[in-house]
N, C-alpha and C. Protein backbone atom coordinates (compact mmCIF):
# COMPACT_ATOMS: atom_id res chain seq x y z
N MET A 1 0.88 -1.14 0.01
CA MET A 1 0.00 0.05 0.04
C MET A 1 0.90 1.26 -0.03
N SER A 2 0.49 2.17 -0.73
CA SER A 2 1.19 3.41 -0.74
C SER A 2 0.37 4.58 -0.22
N LEU A 3 0.90 5.73 -0.18
CA LEU A 3 0.18 6.88 0.34
C LEU A 3 -0.92 7.28 -0.68
N ASP A 4 -0.68 7.09 -1.96
CA ASP A 4 -1.69 7.32 -2.94
C ASP A 4 -2.90 6.45 -2.81
N ASP A 5 -2.70 5.23 -2.54
CA ASP A 5 -3.79 4.31 -2.36
C ASP A 5 -4.56 4.75 -1.10
N CYS A 6 -3.94 5.22 -0.07
CA CYS A 6 -4.67 5.64 1.13
C CYS A 6 -5.46 6.95 0.84
N ILE A 7 -4.96 7.82 0.00
CA ILE A 7 -5.71 9.04 -0.42
C ILE A 7 -6.90 8.71 -1.26
N GLN A 8 -6.66 7.80 -2.17
CA GLN A 8 -7.78 7.38 -3.09
C GLN A 8 -8.83 6.75 -2.28
N ALA A 9 -8.52 5.91 -1.29
CA ALA A 9 -9.52 5.18 -0.51
C ALA A 9 -10.30 6.26 0.34
N TYR A 10 -9.63 7.30 0.78
CA TYR A 10 -10.30 8.35 1.55
C TYR A 10 -11.33 9.06 0.56
N GLY A 11 -10.84 9.22 -0.73
CA GLY A 11 -11.71 9.99 -1.57
C GLY A 11 -12.99 9.13 -2.07
N ARG A 12 -12.95 7.87 -2.02
CA ARG A 12 -14.01 7.04 -2.39
C ARG A 12 -14.92 6.66 -1.13
N LEU A 13 -14.55 7.10 0.01
CA LEU A 13 -15.10 6.77 1.25
C LEU A 13 -16.62 7.24 1.37
N ASP A 14 -17.48 6.28 1.74
CA ASP A 14 -18.74 6.68 1.98
C ASP A 14 -19.03 6.85 3.47
N SER A 15 -19.28 8.09 3.91
CA SER A 15 -19.23 8.32 5.42
C SER A 15 -20.36 7.74 6.06
N ALA A 16 -21.44 7.22 5.37
CA ALA A 16 -22.58 6.51 6.04
C ALA A 16 -22.27 5.08 6.37
N ASP A 17 -21.20 4.56 5.60
CA ASP A 17 -20.99 3.14 5.71
C ASP A 17 -19.84 2.92 6.82
N PRO A 18 -20.04 2.36 8.00
CA PRO A 18 -19.01 2.28 9.00
C PRO A 18 -17.95 1.21 8.59
N ASP A 19 -18.30 0.18 7.80
CA ASP A 19 -17.32 -0.79 7.39
C ASP A 19 -16.28 -0.13 6.43
N ALA A 20 -16.80 0.76 5.54
CA ALA A 20 -15.82 1.35 4.65
C ALA A 20 -14.97 2.40 5.37
N THR A 21 -15.43 3.01 6.40
CA THR A 21 -14.68 3.92 7.26
C THR A 21 -13.57 3.12 7.96
N GLN A 22 -13.94 2.01 8.49
CA GLN A 22 -12.95 1.14 9.17
C GLN A 22 -11.93 0.58 8.22
N ALA A 23 -12.32 0.19 7.08
CA ALA A 23 -11.31 -0.23 6.05
C ALA A 23 -10.38 0.84 5.65
N ALA A 24 -10.88 2.16 5.50
CA ALA A 24 -10.02 3.20 5.10
C ALA A 24 -9.06 3.55 6.24
N LEU A 25 -9.44 3.51 7.39
CA LEU A 25 -8.66 3.71 8.61
C LEU A 25 -7.57 2.66 8.72
N GLN A 26 -7.87 1.41 8.50
CA GLN A 26 -6.92 0.31 8.52
C GLN A 26 -5.87 0.49 7.42
N THR A 27 -6.28 0.91 6.26
CA THR A 27 -5.43 1.16 5.14
C THR A 27 -4.32 2.27 5.52
N CYS A 28 -4.91 3.34 6.06
CA CYS A 28 -3.98 4.46 6.38
C CYS A 28 -3.06 3.99 7.55
N MET A 29 -3.57 3.26 8.44
CA MET A 29 -2.64 2.76 9.58
C MET A 29 -1.62 1.86 9.10
N ARG A 30 -1.91 0.97 8.16
CA ARG A 30 -0.84 0.14 7.45
C ARG A 30 0.25 0.98 6.86
N VAL A 31 -0.22 2.02 6.16
CA VAL A 31 0.84 2.93 5.46
C VAL A 31 1.68 3.58 6.56
N LEU A 32 1.05 4.18 7.58
CA LEU A 32 1.84 4.90 8.51
C LEU A 32 2.64 4.01 9.40
N LEU A 33 2.30 2.82 9.66
CA LEU A 33 3.06 1.91 10.47
C LEU A 33 4.02 1.00 9.67
N ASP A 34 4.14 1.34 8.42
CA ASP A 34 5.13 0.52 7.54
C ASP A 34 6.55 0.76 8.00
N PRO A 35 7.32 -0.15 8.30
CA PRO A 35 8.70 -0.01 8.73
C PRO A 35 9.66 0.73 7.86
N LEU A 36 9.36 0.63 6.60
CA LEU A 36 10.22 1.34 5.58
C LEU A 36 9.98 2.80 5.72
N VAL A 37 8.80 3.32 6.08
CA VAL A 37 8.68 4.75 6.28
C VAL A 37 9.48 5.22 7.48
N TRP A 38 9.33 4.42 8.62
CA TRP A 38 10.04 4.79 9.72
C TRP A 38 11.59 4.71 9.65
N GLU A 39 12.11 3.83 8.84
CA GLU A 39 13.47 3.67 8.53
C GLU A 39 14.01 4.87 7.78
N TRP A 40 13.26 5.33 6.81
CA TRP A 40 13.66 6.56 6.04
C TRP A 40 13.60 7.79 6.93
N ALA A 41 12.56 7.86 7.78
CA ALA A 41 12.41 9.06 8.62
C ALA A 41 13.64 9.08 9.68
N LEU A 42 13.88 7.93 10.27
CA LEU A 42 15.05 7.85 11.24
C LEU A 42 16.40 8.16 10.52
N GLY A 43 16.59 7.59 9.25
CA GLY A 43 17.78 7.88 8.61
C GLY A 43 17.99 9.35 8.19
N LEU A 44 16.90 9.90 7.67
CA LEU A 44 17.02 11.43 7.40
C LEU A 44 17.32 12.26 8.63
N THR A 45 16.66 11.86 9.70
CA THR A 45 16.84 12.59 10.98
C THR A 45 18.28 12.47 11.41
N LEU A 46 18.86 11.28 11.37
CA LEU A 46 20.30 11.14 11.70
C LEU A 46 21.29 11.88 10.78
N ILE A 47 20.91 11.92 9.55
CA ILE A 47 21.80 12.60 8.52
C ILE A 47 21.76 14.17 8.92
N CYS A 48 20.53 14.62 9.03
CA CYS A 48 20.36 16.04 9.41
C CYS A 48 21.07 16.38 10.86
N ALA A 49 21.11 15.51 11.79
CA ALA A 49 21.65 15.67 13.00
C ALA A 49 23.25 15.75 12.85
N LEU A 50 23.74 14.83 12.05
CA LEU A 50 25.19 14.76 11.76
C LEU A 50 25.73 16.06 11.07
N VAL A 51 24.90 16.48 10.11
CA VAL A 51 25.32 17.70 9.37
C VAL A 51 25.28 18.90 10.41
N GLY A 52 24.20 18.94 11.21
CA GLY A 52 24.16 19.98 12.15
C GLY A 52 25.29 19.97 13.23
N LEU A 53 25.67 18.60 13.56
CA LEU A 53 26.82 18.49 14.45
C LEU A 53 28.14 19.09 13.91
N VAL A 54 28.30 18.77 12.53
CA VAL A 54 29.53 19.28 11.95
C VAL A 54 29.57 20.81 11.82
N ILE A 55 28.38 21.38 11.45
CA ILE A 55 28.24 22.85 11.40
C ILE A 55 28.47 23.47 12.81
N GLY A 56 27.83 22.82 13.81
CA GLY A 56 28.01 23.30 15.25
C GLY A 56 29.36 23.19 15.73
N TYR A 57 30.14 22.15 15.42
CA TYR A 57 31.52 21.96 15.77
C TYR A 57 32.44 23.02 15.20
N ILE A 58 32.11 23.41 13.90
CA ILE A 58 32.91 24.42 13.28
C ILE A 58 32.57 25.80 14.01
N ARG A 59 31.36 26.00 14.45
CA ARG A 59 30.99 27.31 15.06
C ARG A 59 31.33 27.29 16.56
N GLY A 60 31.73 26.13 17.16
CA GLY A 60 32.08 26.02 18.51
C GLY A 60 30.82 25.76 19.37
N ARG A 61 29.75 25.27 18.74
CA ARG A 61 28.44 24.87 19.52
C ARG A 61 27.95 23.57 18.96
N TRP A 62 28.68 22.50 19.28
CA TRP A 62 28.40 21.27 18.67
C TRP A 62 27.12 20.65 19.23
N LEU A 63 26.75 20.89 20.39
CA LEU A 63 25.43 20.40 20.90
C LEU A 63 24.22 21.06 20.39
N ALA A 64 24.30 22.37 20.19
CA ALA A 64 23.32 23.16 19.61
C ALA A 64 23.12 22.76 18.02
N GLY A 65 24.22 22.55 17.39
CA GLY A 65 24.17 21.98 16.05
C GLY A 65 23.45 20.65 15.98
N LEU A 66 23.80 19.76 16.89
CA LEU A 66 23.25 18.39 16.83
C LEU A 66 21.72 18.50 17.14
N VAL A 67 21.28 19.25 18.04
CA VAL A 67 19.95 19.28 18.52
C VAL A 67 19.08 20.07 17.50
N TRP A 68 19.52 21.26 16.96
CA TRP A 68 18.85 22.00 15.94
C TRP A 68 18.73 21.21 14.60
N GLY A 69 19.88 20.53 14.26
CA GLY A 69 19.81 19.81 13.10
C GLY A 69 18.88 18.61 13.09
N ALA A 70 18.82 17.88 14.23
CA ALA A 70 17.94 16.74 14.31
C ALA A 70 16.43 17.23 14.34
N ALA A 71 16.22 18.36 15.01
CA ALA A 71 14.83 18.80 15.13
C ALA A 71 14.30 19.48 13.88
N LEU A 72 15.12 20.32 13.27
CA LEU A 72 14.51 21.15 12.17
C LEU A 72 15.19 20.86 10.81
N GLY A 73 16.28 20.06 10.78
CA GLY A 73 16.93 19.86 9.49
C GLY A 73 17.58 21.01 8.97
N PRO A 74 17.50 21.33 7.70
CA PRO A 74 18.11 22.53 7.07
C PRO A 74 17.83 23.85 7.78
N ILE A 75 16.64 23.94 8.27
CA ILE A 75 16.28 25.20 8.99
C ILE A 75 17.16 25.32 10.30
N GLY A 76 17.37 24.18 10.97
CA GLY A 76 18.26 24.13 12.12
C GLY A 76 19.68 24.50 11.83
N TRP A 77 20.13 24.01 10.58
CA TRP A 77 21.43 24.36 10.15
C TRP A 77 21.59 25.81 10.04
N ALA A 78 20.63 26.48 9.35
CA ALA A 78 20.74 27.85 9.29
C ALA A 78 20.68 28.64 10.62
N ILE A 79 19.92 28.16 11.52
CA ILE A 79 19.92 28.77 12.86
C ILE A 79 21.22 28.58 13.54
N VAL A 80 21.97 27.49 13.43
CA VAL A 80 23.37 27.40 13.96
C VAL A 80 24.40 28.26 13.25
N LEU A 81 24.22 28.28 11.94
CA LEU A 81 25.13 29.18 11.17
C LEU A 81 25.06 30.54 11.49
N LEU A 82 23.82 31.07 11.72
CA LEU A 82 23.49 32.52 11.92
C LEU A 82 23.68 32.93 13.42
N SER A 83 23.82 31.88 14.25
CA SER A 83 23.89 32.28 15.74
C SER A 83 25.27 32.69 16.14
N LYS A 84 25.40 33.20 17.26
CA LYS A 84 26.68 33.64 17.81
C LYS A 84 27.62 32.52 17.95
N SER A 85 28.91 32.66 17.54
CA SER A 85 29.89 31.62 17.64
C SER A 85 30.24 31.46 19.11
N GLY A 86 30.52 30.24 19.49
CA GLY A 86 31.02 29.92 20.87
C GLY A 86 32.52 30.05 20.98
N LEU A 87 33.28 30.40 19.94
CA LEU A 87 34.64 30.54 20.01
C LEU A 87 35.20 31.84 20.54
N ILE A 88 36.31 31.83 21.19
CA ILE A 88 36.88 33.19 21.68
C ILE A 88 38.00 33.45 20.71
N GLU A 89 38.12 34.69 20.46
CA GLU A 89 39.13 35.17 19.45
C GLU A 89 40.48 35.45 20.07
N CYS A 90 41.49 34.99 19.40
CA CYS A 90 42.92 35.19 19.84
C CYS A 90 43.24 36.69 19.63
N PRO A 91 43.81 37.46 20.66
CA PRO A 91 44.14 38.75 20.46
C PRO A 91 45.30 38.97 19.52
N ASP A 92 46.09 38.01 19.30
CA ASP A 92 47.29 38.17 18.39
C ASP A 92 46.93 37.83 16.99
N CYS A 93 46.41 36.61 16.72
CA CYS A 93 46.15 36.26 15.20
C CYS A 93 44.69 36.51 14.81
N GLY A 94 43.78 36.66 15.77
CA GLY A 94 42.31 36.90 15.49
C GLY A 94 41.59 35.59 15.06
N ARG A 95 42.08 34.43 15.23
CA ARG A 95 41.38 33.29 14.90
C ARG A 95 40.71 32.71 16.13
N GLY A 96 39.72 31.90 15.90
CA GLY A 96 38.87 31.36 17.02
C GLY A 96 39.49 30.16 17.69
N ASN A 97 39.23 30.03 18.99
CA ASN A 97 39.72 29.07 19.85
C ASN A 97 38.53 28.61 20.81
N VAL A 98 38.48 27.40 21.26
CA VAL A 98 37.51 26.94 22.18
C VAL A 98 37.59 27.77 23.43
N PRO A 99 36.52 28.00 24.17
CA PRO A 99 36.54 28.87 25.38
C PRO A 99 37.47 28.43 26.50
N ARG A 100 37.66 27.14 26.64
CA ARG A 100 38.55 26.61 27.74
C ARG A 100 39.92 26.48 27.32
N ALA A 101 40.36 26.96 26.15
CA ALA A 101 41.75 26.86 25.70
C ALA A 101 42.62 27.74 26.51
N LYS A 102 43.89 27.23 26.82
CA LYS A 102 44.91 28.04 27.44
C LYS A 102 45.83 28.79 26.53
N ALA A 103 46.01 28.11 25.34
CA ALA A 103 46.92 28.64 24.41
C ALA A 103 46.17 28.65 22.99
N CYS A 104 46.46 29.70 22.19
CA CYS A 104 45.84 29.61 20.80
C CYS A 104 46.40 28.36 20.08
N ARG A 105 45.58 27.77 19.40
CA ARG A 105 45.95 26.61 18.65
C ARG A 105 46.63 26.93 17.28
N HIS A 106 46.54 28.24 16.92
CA HIS A 106 47.08 28.62 15.62
C HIS A 106 48.43 29.26 15.79
N CYS A 107 48.47 30.18 16.77
CA CYS A 107 49.81 30.94 16.95
C CYS A 107 50.50 30.60 18.23
N GLY A 108 49.89 29.93 19.21
CA GLY A 108 50.53 29.47 20.36
C GLY A 108 50.62 30.43 21.54
N VAL A 109 50.00 31.56 21.34
CA VAL A 109 50.11 32.68 22.44
C VAL A 109 49.26 32.15 23.64
N ASN A 110 49.72 32.56 24.76
CA ASN A 110 48.94 32.19 26.08
C ASN A 110 47.66 33.07 26.11
N LEU A 111 46.55 32.52 26.08
CA LEU A 111 45.29 33.33 25.92
C LEU A 111 45.04 34.05 27.20
N GLN A 112 45.28 33.47 28.36
CA GLN A 112 44.93 34.08 29.68
C GLN A 112 45.85 35.31 29.86
N ALA A 113 47.19 35.25 29.57
CA ALA A 113 48.06 36.32 29.62
C ALA A 113 47.80 37.47 28.66
N ALA A 114 47.43 36.95 27.41
CA ALA A 114 47.10 37.94 26.40
C ALA A 114 45.84 38.76 26.69
N ALA A 115 44.87 38.11 27.40
CA ALA A 115 43.61 38.83 27.74
C ALA A 115 43.91 39.92 28.88
N THR A 116 44.86 39.64 29.72
CA THR A 116 45.14 40.60 30.82
C THR A 116 46.00 41.74 30.43
N ARG A 117 46.56 41.60 29.20
CA ARG A 117 47.48 42.69 28.64
C ARG A 117 46.60 43.90 28.41
N SER A 118 47.23 45.15 28.63
CA SER A 118 46.53 46.31 28.36
C SER A 118 46.66 46.65 26.92
N GLN A 119 45.80 47.61 26.40
CA GLN A 119 45.80 48.01 25.06
C GLN A 119 47.21 48.67 24.71
N ARG A 120 47.66 49.46 25.67
CA ARG A 120 48.99 50.10 25.49
C ARG A 120 50.17 49.18 25.24
N SER A 121 50.16 47.94 26.04
CA SER A 121 51.33 47.05 25.85
C SER A 121 51.20 46.38 24.45
N SER A 122 49.92 46.07 24.06
CA SER A 122 49.83 45.45 22.73
C SER A 122 50.19 46.40 21.62
N LEU A 123 49.92 47.76 21.78
CA LEU A 123 50.32 48.67 20.74
C LEU A 123 51.92 48.77 20.78
N LYS A 124 52.58 48.77 22.01
CA LYS A 124 54.01 48.79 21.94
C LYS A 124 54.61 47.65 21.31
N ARG A 125 54.00 46.49 21.46
CA ARG A 125 54.51 45.31 20.79
C ARG A 125 54.50 45.46 19.22
N VAL A 126 53.38 45.99 18.75
CA VAL A 126 53.23 46.16 17.32
C VAL A 126 54.28 47.19 16.82
N ASP A 127 54.51 48.31 17.57
CA ASP A 127 55.51 49.19 17.15
C ASP A 127 56.95 48.70 17.14
N ARG A 128 57.24 47.84 18.06
CA ARG A 128 58.59 47.21 18.09
C ARG A 128 58.83 46.42 16.92
N GLY A 129 57.78 45.74 16.41
CA GLY A 129 57.98 44.84 15.15
C GLY A 129 58.24 45.61 13.87
N ARG A 130 57.77 46.86 13.75
CA ARG A 130 57.94 47.52 12.53
C ARG A 130 59.28 48.18 12.29
N GLY A 131 59.91 48.74 13.31
CA GLY A 131 61.19 49.44 13.01
C GLY A 131 60.97 50.74 12.26
N TRP A 132 62.12 51.27 11.79
CA TRP A 132 62.07 52.59 11.03
C TRP A 132 61.63 52.24 9.66
């Protein structure tokens, strides 16, 4: 039985005949409870969740990506892409790092020490590198 058969059975349904109503209901239930339908639904949900997980991992929000991707699919992917990143920016190279990182994974600078530096000390460091 396919979904088209279920819709056609509903179209031919005589509302005064209880046996026909029962037969149409059983046809629809057979279609809805078909294991192949549920396997496809579960497979697509897992694929959407995994894509959301990857997008969330890149943005520093893997759990949000997993949940939004599984719940809403491509709409959830867009939500995670457009949401605020969970990564902190390195003051030296400007690239993202996980919030609990002690050192930048790109340039190796100590993030806690760099965060406590004043604006003046970072300007002095830039001036030293240029020379005349």
